[in-house]
Amino acid sequence: MKVYKSTNRIGQLVSFEVSNTLLGRKGFVRVLQKIPNMTILRTPKRILSWFREDDFCEFEINGKKFVAEEPFGDNDRYWVGESPCARTSPELDIIVNKFEKQKWPLGFGKN
């Protein structure tokens, strides 16, 4: 899966974006659910979530809270970062690695 990393001035990962072309919001949540110690706090609404909410998913891993959003509701990427402000953490590395290793189609394979 294609991932676009955002780093701070010293090269540390602070957030990332993932292409949503084939993923979708529910697919995004399915990838998160495969991460050990992951707790999903809020998932996308059932009907027209892309129309009603830019921030569509909140989740937590090892006590760190993250958010996923689709800026303007019509972007071709989902942004992921720590909530309330993006900063570097080992948990973010775990999340981005899972998306980088995810194979298509979702639900198949060992990832």
C-alpha atoms as a PDB file:
ATOM      1  CA  MET A   1       0.000   0.000   0.000  1.00  0.00           C
ATOM      2  CA  LYS A   2       1.361   3.457  -0.868  1.00  0.00           C
ATOM      3  CA  VAL A   3       2.258   5.565   2.188  1.00  0.00           C
ATOM      4  CA  TYR A   4       3.408   9.198   2.209  1.00  0.00           C
ATOM      5  CA  LYS A   5       5.429  10.092   5.315  1.00  0.00           C
ATOM      6  CA  SER A   6       5.675  13.539   6.934  1.00  0.00           C
ATOM      7  CA  THR A   7       8.734  14.188   9.058  1.00  0.00           C
ATOM      8  CA  ASN A   8       9.955  16.950  11.344  1.00  0.00           C
ATOM      9  CA  ARG A   9      13.148  18.978  10.764  1.00  0.00           C
ATOM     10  CA  ILE A  10      15.364  16.185  12.071  1.00  0.00           C
ATOM     11  CA  GLY A  11      13.750  13.482   9.962  1.00  0.00           C
ATOM     12  CA  GLN A  12      11.474  11.832  12.550  1.00  0.00           C
ATOM     13  CA  LEU A  13       8.062  10.586  11.426  1.00  0.00           C
ATOM     14  CA  VAL A  14       5.240  12.774  12.790  1.00  0.00           C
ATOM     15  CA  SER A  15       2.321  11.756  10.554  1.00  0.00           C
ATOM     16  CA  PHE A  16       1.586   9.940   7.332  1.00  0.00           C
ATOM     17  CA  GLU A  17      -0.939   9.735   4.553  1.00  0.00           C
ATOM     18  CA  VAL A  18      -2.191   6.615   2.861  1.00  0.00           C
ATOM     19  CA  SER A  19      -3.854   6.409  -0.533  1.00  0.00           C
ATOM     20  CA  ASN A  20      -7.568   5.726  -0.181  1.00  0.00           C
ATOM     21  CA  THR A  21      -8.229   4.805  -3.807  1.00  0.00           C
ATOM     22  CA  LEU A  22      -8.813   1.108  -3.094  1.00  0.00           C
ATOM     23  CA  LEU A  23      -8.832   1.254   0.689  1.00  0.00           C
ATOM     24  CA  GLY A  24     -11.989   3.093   1.766  1.00  0.00           C
ATOM     25  CA  ARG A  25     -12.791   4.102   5.318  1.00  0.00           C
ATOM     26  CA  LYS A  26     -13.946   0.679   6.450  1.00  0.00           C
ATOM     27  CA  GLY A  27     -10.867  -0.905   4.873  1.00  0.00           C
ATOM     28  CA  PHE A  28      -8.724   1.537   6.814  1.00  0.00           C
ATOM     29  CA  VAL A  29     -10.314   0.323  10.057  1.00  0.00           C
ATOM     30  CA  ARG A  30      -9.811  -3.330   9.027  1.00  0.00           C
ATOM     31  CA  VAL A  31      -6.063  -2.711   8.677  1.00  0.00           C
ATOM     32  CA  LEU A  32      -5.940  -1.070  12.124  1.00  0.00           C
ATOM     33  CA  GLN A  33      -7.752  -4.024  13.682  1.00  0.00           C
ATOM     34  CA  LYS A  34      -4.838  -6.271  12.682  1.00  0.00           C
ATOM     35  CA  ILE A  35      -2.385  -4.337  14.893  1.00  0.00           C
ATOM     36  CA  PRO A  36      -1.725  -5.858  18.342  1.00  0.00           C
ATOM     37  CA  ASN A  37      -2.764  -3.679  21.328  1.00  0.00           C
ATOM     38  CA  MET A  38      -4.930  -1.508  19.054  1.00  0.00           C
ATOM     39  CA  THR A  39      -8.178  -0.101  20.434  1.00  0.00           C
ATOM     40  CA  ILE A  40     -10.622   1.487  17.990  1.00  0.00           C
ATOM     41  CA  LEU A  41     -12.369   4.368  19.763  1.00  0.00           C
ATOM     42  CA  ARG A  42     -14.545   5.669  16.915  1.00  0.00           C
ATOM     43  CA  THR A  43     -15.296   4.298  13.460  1.00  0.00           C
ATOM     44  CA  PRO A  44     -16.876   5.919  10.401  1.00  0.00           C
ATOM     45  CA  LYS A  45     -20.609   6.523  10.503  1.00  0.00           C
ATOM     46  CA  ARG A  46     -22.611   4.012   8.492  1.00  0.00           C
ATOM     47  CA  ILE A  47     -24.281   6.280   5.953  1.00  0.00           C
ATOM     48  CA  LEU A  48     -22.355   8.809   3.884  1.00  0.00           C
ATOM     49  CA  SER A  49     -19.510   9.184   6.371  1.00  0.00           C
ATOM     50  CA  TRP A  50     -17.359  10.839   3.692  1.00  0.00           C
ATOM     51  CA  PHE A  51     -19.997  13.577   3.364  1.00  0.00           C
ATOM     52  CA  ARG A  52     -20.465  14.262   7.073  1.00  0.00           C
ATOM     53  CA  GLU A  53     -17.100  13.869   8.771  1.00  0.00           C
ATOM     54  CA  ASP A  54     -13.523  14.686   7.873  1.00  0.00           C
ATOM     55  CA  ASP A  55     -12.190  13.021  11.069  1.00  0.00           C
ATOM     56  CA  PHE A  56     -13.637   9.544  10.634  1.00  0.00           C
ATOM     57  CA  CYS A  57     -11.627   7.315  12.964  1.00  0.00           C
ATOM     58  CA  GLU A  58     -10.035   7.601  16.395  1.00  0.00           C
ATOM     59  CA  PHE A  59      -7.870   4.844  17.785  1.00  0.00           C
ATOM     60  CA  GLU A  60      -5.378   4.177  20.527  1.00  0.00           C
ATOM     61  CA  ILE A  61      -2.293   2.025  20.843  1.00  0.00           C
ATOM     62  CA  ASN A  62      -0.214   1.729  24.015  1.00  0.00           C
ATOM     63  CA  GLY A  63      -2.023   4.712  25.537  1.00  0.00           C
ATOM     64  CA  LYS A  64      -1.374   7.060  22.587  1.00  0.00           C
ATOM     65  CA  LYS A  65      -4.422   8.430  20.792  1.00  0.00           C
ATOM     66  CA  PHE A  66      -4.440   8.881  17.010  1.00  0.00           C
ATOM     67  CA  VAL A  67      -6.889  10.242  14.473  1.00  0.00           C
ATOM     68  CA  ALA A  68      -7.506   9.540  10.797  1.00  0.00           C
ATOM     69  CA  GLU A  69      -9.056  12.166   8.604  1.00  0.00           C
ATOM     70  CA  GLU A  70      -9.872  12.805   4.993  1.00  0.00           C
ATOM     71  CA  PRO A  71      -9.262  16.530   4.540  1.00  0.00           C
ATOM     72  CA  PHE A  72     -12.206  18.281   2.896  1.00  0.00           C
ATOM     73  CA  GLY A  73     -14.045  14.947   2.659  1.00  0.00           C
ATOM     74  CA  ASP A  74     -12.877  14.376  -0.918  1.00  0.00           C
ATOM     75  CA  ASN A  75      -9.133  13.899  -0.738  1.00  0.00           C
ATOM     76  CA  ASP A  76      -7.409  10.914  -2.377  1.00  0.00           C
ATOM     77  CA  ARG A  77      -5.449  10.230   0.835  1.00  0.00           C
ATOM     78  CA  TYR A  78      -6.212   9.707   4.500  1.00  0.00           C
ATOM     79  CA  TRP A  79      -4.044  11.639   6.975  1.00  0.00           C
ATOM     80  CA  VAL A  80      -2.992   9.862  10.191  1.00  0.00           C
ATOM     81  CA  GLY A  81      -1.354  11.451  13.211  1.00  0.00           C
ATOM     82  CA  GLU A  82      -1.356  11.626  16.975  1.00  0.00           C
ATOM     83  CA  SER A  83      -4.244  13.502  18.568  1.00  0.00           C
ATOM     84  CA  PRO A  84      -4.486  16.351  19.500  1.00  0.00           C
ATOM     85  CA  CYS A  85      -1.223  17.294  17.718  1.00  0.00           C
ATOM     86  CA  ALA A  86       1.034  15.284  15.436  1.00  0.00           C
ATOM     87  CA  ARG A  87       4.351  14.274  16.976  1.00  0.00           C
ATOM     88  CA  THR A  88       6.814  11.429  16.746  1.00  0.00           C
ATOM     89  CA  SER A  89       6.256   8.180  18.640  1.00  0.00           C
ATOM     90  CA  PRO A  90       7.168   4.495  18.354  1.00  0.00           C
ATOM     91  CA  GLU A  91       3.442   3.719  18.073  1.00  0.00           C
ATOM     92  CA  LEU A  92       3.194   5.767  14.880  1.00  0.00           C
ATOM     93  CA  ASP A  93       6.010   3.669  13.420  1.00  0.00           C
ATOM     94  CA  ILE A  94       4.024   0.498  14.220  1.00  0.00           C
ATOM     95  CA  ILE A  95       0.953   1.881  12.461  1.00  0.00           C
ATOM     96  CA  VAL A  96       2.750   3.116   9.341  1.00  0.00           C
ATOM     97  CA  ASN A  97       4.633  -0.197   9.030  1.00  0.00           C
ATOM     98  CA  LYS A  98       1.344  -2.108   9.027  1.00  0.00           C
ATOM     99  CA  PHE A  99      -0.018   0.010   6.186  1.00  0.00           C
ATOM    100  CA  GLU A 100       3.222  -0.273   4.205  1.00  0.00           C
ATOM    101  CA  LYS A 101       3.139  -4.073   4.462  1.00  0.00           C
ATOM    102  CA  GLN A 102      -0.593  -4.460   3.748  1.00  0.00           C
ATOM    103  CA  LYS A 103      -1.285  -6.540   0.639  1.00  0.00           C
ATOM    104  CA  TRP A 104      -4.292  -6.415  -1.677  1.00  0.00           C
ATOM    105  CA  PRO A 105      -7.035  -7.425  -1.585  1.00  0.00           C
ATOM    106  CA  LEU A 106      -7.861  -6.678   2.030  1.00  0.00           C
ATOM    107  CA  GLY A 107      -8.856  -9.676   4.066  1.00  0.00           C
ATOM    108  CA  PHE A 108      -6.520 -12.048   2.226  1.00  0.00           C
ATOM    109  CA  GLY A 109      -2.930 -12.932   2.962  1.00  0.00           C
ATOM    110  CA  LYS A 110      -1.090 -13.086   6.244  1.00  0.00           C
ATOM    111  CA  ASN A 111      -0.859  -9.329   6.965  1.00  0.00           C
END
